[in-house]
Each structure stands twice: as C-alpha cells, then as structure tokens.
Amino acid sequence: MALDRNNTLSDLKDEIYYFDKHWKRIFKGNRAIYVATRNNASLQISIVNPKGKRIPIVIQKYRKGSRIVVIGLAVHAPPHKTINL
C-alpha cells in the first residue's frame, strides 16, 4: 500500500520554493494548492543567506496527483516560484 505524499508548506522563514513545470496551481481561499501533473514532478527548497545568495538545500520528487498546500505569508510568482517573506 502506497502512502500519499501530501504536504503543507507554511511559516518557513527565508525559504524559496521552486516548483518545476510539472505542477498545476489552484487557489482556494487564502491557500495555493500545487498538484503534480506527472510522475517525478520536483520541488526545490532554497534558503537565502544574509548576502542575498540563494542556496539549494533539498530537492524532492513527487508522484502524479501529489498535492502541496502553501499557506501563510508566501508570495507566489508565476509560473512556479514561491517566496516566503
């Protein structure tokens, strides 16, 4: 039996979330929901150091249909970049 990999990203400081082109974004209320449109859709999480340089810290791969809910203070820039201020 496979477990669903549905995640929520919220209240993470100084992090940038990069969704590759294999995600569909849906808005419901004050939440953005990203749904993987094919297998191996990737999400890269980076941090911003005090000098403003972005440092990748993790890359995750997801199966088709996986959902990620982004809530809180995140700002979404089209097409697939989310910056948490």
Protein backbone atom coordinates (compact mmCIF):
# COMPACT_ATOMS: atom_id res chain seq x y z
CA MET A 1 0.00 0.00 0.00
CA ALA A 2 1.42 3.39 -1.01
CA LEU A 3 1.14 6.39 1.27
CA ASP A 4 0.03 9.73 -0.15
CA ARG A 5 2.72 12.41 -0.13
CA ASN A 6 0.60 15.48 0.51
CA ASN A 7 2.40 18.28 2.29
CA THR A 8 1.76 21.71 3.70
CA LEU A 9 4.35 24.50 3.47
CA SER A 10 3.83 27.39 5.83
CA ASP A 11 5.65 29.80 8.11
CA LEU A 12 9.13 28.78 6.90
CA LYS A 13 11.35 31.85 7.03
CA ASP A 14 13.78 32.93 4.30
CA GLU A 15 12.97 30.00 2.06
CA ILE A 16 12.11 29.91 -1.63
CA TYR A 17 10.09 27.08 -3.16
CA TYR A 18 10.69 26.31 -6.84
CA PHE A 19 8.09 24.09 -8.46
CA ASP A 20 9.10 22.74 -11.87
CA LYS A 21 6.79 22.93 -14.91
CA HIS A 22 5.01 19.70 -13.93
CA TRP A 23 2.74 21.33 -11.34
CA LYS A 24 -0.72 22.86 -11.65
CA ARG A 25 -1.59 25.65 -9.20
CA ILE A 26 -5.11 26.10 -7.79
CA PHE A 27 -6.21 28.85 -5.39
CA LYS A 28 -8.80 28.07 -2.70
CA GLY A 29 -9.41 30.89 -0.24
CA ASN A 30 -6.03 32.09 1.05
CA ARG A 31 -4.25 28.87 0.10
CA ALA A 32 -2.42 27.82 -3.04
CA ILE A 33 -2.57 24.13 -3.84
CA TYR A 34 0.00 22.64 -6.20
CA VAL A 35 -0.92 19.33 -7.84
CA ALA A 36 1.71 17.23 -9.65
CA THR A 37 0.64 16.64 -13.25
CA ARG A 38 3.14 13.84 -13.92
CA ASN A 39 5.50 11.50 -12.07
CA ASN A 40 8.83 12.89 -10.86
CA ALA A 41 7.49 16.45 -10.53
CA SER A 42 10.11 18.24 -8.47
CA LEU A 43 10.17 20.84 -5.71
CA GLN A 44 13.42 22.59 -4.80
CA ILE A 45 13.64 24.36 -1.46
CA SER A 46 16.37 27.02 -1.16
CA ILE A 47 17.39 29.38 1.61
CA VAL A 48 18.57 32.96 1.25
CA ASN A 49 21.74 33.80 3.16
CA PRO A 50 22.34 37.28 4.64
CA LYS A 51 24.15 38.40 1.46
CA GLY A 52 21.08 37.53 -0.62
CA LYS A 53 22.56 34.43 -2.27
CA ARG A 54 20.16 31.51 -2.78
CA ILE A 55 21.47 28.16 -1.56
CA PRO A 56 19.60 24.97 -2.55
CA ILE A 57 19.00 22.75 0.46
CA VAL A 58 16.69 19.99 -0.78
CA ILE A 59 15.11 18.70 -3.99
CA GLN A 60 12.10 16.42 -3.65
CA LYS A 61 10.39 14.34 -6.33
CA TYR A 62 6.64 13.61 -6.27
CA ARG A 63 4.26 11.23 -7.98
CA LYS A 64 1.45 12.33 -10.26
CA GLY A 65 -1.52 13.58 -8.21
CA SER A 66 0.55 14.56 -5.15
CA ARG A 67 -0.60 17.80 -3.53
CA ILE A 68 1.30 20.53 -1.72
CA VAL A 69 -0.65 23.23 0.11
CA VAL A 70 1.10 26.58 0.59
CA ILE A 71 -0.38 28.79 3.33
CA GLY A 72 0.78 31.70 5.45
CA LEU A 73 2.95 34.56 4.26
CA ALA A 74 4.12 33.02 1.00
CA VAL A 75 4.14 35.12 -2.15
CA HIS A 76 3.59 33.29 -5.44
CA ALA A 77 5.30 34.47 -8.59
CA PRO A 78 4.16 32.85 -11.86
CA PRO A 79 4.63 30.31 -13.10
CA HIS A 80 6.09 28.08 -10.40
CA LYS A 81 8.08 30.06 -7.83
CA THR A 82 7.01 30.77 -4.28
CA ILE A 83 8.95 33.11 -1.97
CA ASN A 84 8.22 33.20 1.75
CA LEU A 85 8.89 36.74 3.06
